[in-house]
Amino acid sequence: MFLSSSRFSWLVHPFAWIGRMSLTNYLLQSLVFGSIFIGGSMAALGKIAFVPPIPFAALLPIGIVFFILQIGVSKLWLKHFNYGPVEWLWRTGTYWKVSPMRRKERKTAAVRHADE
């Protein structure tokens, strides 16, 4: 109730963008951080790794920065599309019907008057 007031909507609103693309963001985080952890453990074992080992203290700031980037990318994506890419695949597979992925463009008042 406290955070739902209009005074704090700026704080809560970004979570709506990332929440609408939660499966896509989860899979992307798993892919990125899985490669970091696997790469680090392979390097620790003396095997070839794509990513050098990262100190534990650096992982939290890296995770926070990555999450903030995901919020920004989610906002940009949802400006042009109705769903995240994985959410769209999931919805299409669930309903056995291809949902429109792109948002319908809304004409502004200036464009409407120019068309008339």
Protein backbone atom coordinates (compact mmCIF):
# COMPACT_ATOMS: atom_id res chain seq x y z
CA MET A 1 0.00 0.00 0.00
CA PHE A 2 2.85 2.35 0.88
CA LEU A 3 4.64 1.82 -2.44
CA SER A 4 1.44 1.90 -4.51
CA SER A 5 0.88 5.58 -3.80
CA SER A 6 1.57 7.97 -6.66
CA ARG A 7 4.47 9.45 -4.74
CA PHE A 8 6.45 6.23 -5.07
CA SER A 9 5.28 5.06 -8.49
CA TRP A 10 8.62 6.07 -10.03
CA LEU A 11 10.25 3.51 -7.77
CA VAL A 12 7.87 0.64 -8.55
CA HIS A 13 7.08 1.27 -12.23
CA PRO A 14 10.38 -0.12 -13.65
CA PHE A 15 9.52 -3.49 -12.13
CA ALA A 16 6.44 -3.63 -14.37
CA TRP A 17 8.65 -3.57 -17.47
CA ILE A 18 10.94 -6.30 -16.27
CA GLY A 19 7.98 -8.29 -14.96
CA ARG A 20 6.29 -8.34 -18.36
CA MET A 21 9.45 -9.93 -19.77
CA SER A 22 10.30 -12.05 -16.74
CA LEU A 23 10.95 -15.35 -18.54
CA THR A 24 13.15 -13.68 -21.16
CA ASN A 25 15.11 -11.82 -18.49
CA TYR A 26 15.46 -14.93 -16.32
CA LEU A 27 16.83 -16.98 -19.22
CA LEU A 28 19.21 -14.18 -20.22
CA GLN A 29 20.50 -13.87 -16.65
CA SER A 30 20.98 -17.63 -16.48
CA LEU A 31 22.91 -17.65 -19.74
CA VAL A 32 25.16 -14.71 -18.85
CA PHE A 33 25.87 -15.58 -15.24
CA GLY A 34 26.03 -19.31 -15.91
CA SER A 35 28.83 -18.66 -18.38
CA ILE A 36 30.59 -16.44 -15.84
CA PHE A 37 30.40 -19.08 -13.10
CA ILE A 38 31.25 -22.01 -15.36
CA GLY A 39 34.04 -20.00 -16.98
CA GLY A 40 35.42 -19.10 -13.57
CA SER A 41 35.29 -22.67 -12.30
CA MET A 42 36.93 -23.99 -15.48
CA ALA A 43 39.72 -21.42 -15.15
CA ALA A 44 40.15 -22.42 -11.50
CA LEU A 45 40.54 -26.04 -12.61
CA GLY A 46 43.19 -25.00 -15.15
CA LYS A 47 41.03 -25.66 -18.19
CA ILE A 48 40.25 -23.28 -21.04
CA ALA A 49 37.66 -20.65 -20.09
CA PHE A 50 36.00 -17.85 -22.02
CA VAL A 51 35.68 -15.62 -18.96
CA PRO A 52 38.47 -15.27 -16.41
CA PRO A 53 37.56 -15.84 -12.76
CA ILE A 54 35.78 -12.86 -11.19
CA PRO A 55 36.30 -12.04 -7.52
CA PHE A 56 33.26 -12.77 -5.36
CA ALA A 57 33.04 -9.15 -4.14
CA ALA A 58 32.58 -7.96 -7.74
CA LEU A 59 29.64 -10.25 -8.49
CA LEU A 60 27.00 -8.25 -6.60
CA PRO A 61 27.77 -4.93 -8.37
CA ILE A 62 27.91 -6.77 -11.70
CA GLY A 63 24.53 -8.36 -10.97
CA ILE A 64 22.97 -5.01 -10.00
CA VAL A 65 24.32 -3.27 -13.12
CA PHE A 66 23.09 -6.14 -15.31
CA PHE A 67 19.63 -5.95 -13.71
CA ILE A 68 19.47 -2.18 -14.31
CA LEU A 69 20.47 -2.77 -17.95
CA GLN A 70 17.70 -5.36 -18.25
CA ILE A 71 15.17 -2.83 -16.94
CA GLY A 72 16.24 -0.34 -19.62
CA VAL A 73 16.24 -2.90 -22.41
CA SER A 74 12.83 -4.21 -21.27
CA LYS A 75 11.40 -0.69 -21.40
CA LEU A 76 12.76 -0.12 -24.91
CA TRP A 77 11.56 -3.53 -26.11
CA LEU A 78 8.05 -3.06 -24.73
CA LYS A 79 7.80 0.30 -26.46
CA HIS A 80 7.76 -1.57 -29.79
CA PHE A 81 6.46 -5.03 -28.92
CA ASN A 82 3.57 -6.47 -26.90
CA TYR A 83 5.60 -9.27 -25.28
CA GLY A 84 9.14 -10.36 -24.70
CA PRO A 85 10.50 -12.83 -27.29
CA VAL A 86 10.30 -15.89 -25.02
CA GLU A 87 6.91 -14.81 -23.64
CA TRP A 88 5.64 -14.55 -27.22
CA LEU A 89 6.90 -18.07 -28.00
CA TRP A 90 5.31 -19.37 -24.79
CA ARG A 91 1.99 -17.68 -25.56
CA THR A 92 2.01 -18.96 -29.15
CA GLY A 93 2.71 -22.51 -27.98
CA THR A 94 0.09 -22.35 -25.24
CA TYR A 95 -2.78 -21.02 -27.34
CA TRP A 96 -1.72 -22.63 -30.65
CA LYS A 97 -2.28 -19.26 -32.25
CA VAL A 98 0.28 -16.69 -33.35
CA SER A 99 -0.26 -13.51 -31.35
CA PRO A 100 0.74 -10.19 -32.87
CA MET A 101 4.15 -9.35 -31.49
CA ARG A 102 4.49 -5.75 -32.68
CA ARG A 103 2.51 -2.98 -31.05
CA LYS A 104 0.02 -1.19 -33.23
CA GLU A 105 1.30 2.27 -33.93
CA ARG A 106 -0.92 5.02 -32.65
CA LYS A 107 -1.29 8.06 -34.81
CA THR A 108 -0.79 11.36 -33.06
CA ALA A 109 -3.22 14.22 -33.53
CA ALA A 110 -0.81 16.05 -35.87
CA VAL A 111 -0.44 12.99 -38.11
CA ARG A 112 -4.20 12.41 -38.18
CA HIS A 113 -4.85 15.96 -39.34
CA ALA A 114 -2.19 15.65 -42.02
CA ASP A 115 -3.88 12.46 -43.32
CA GLU A 116 -7.27 14.14 -43.65
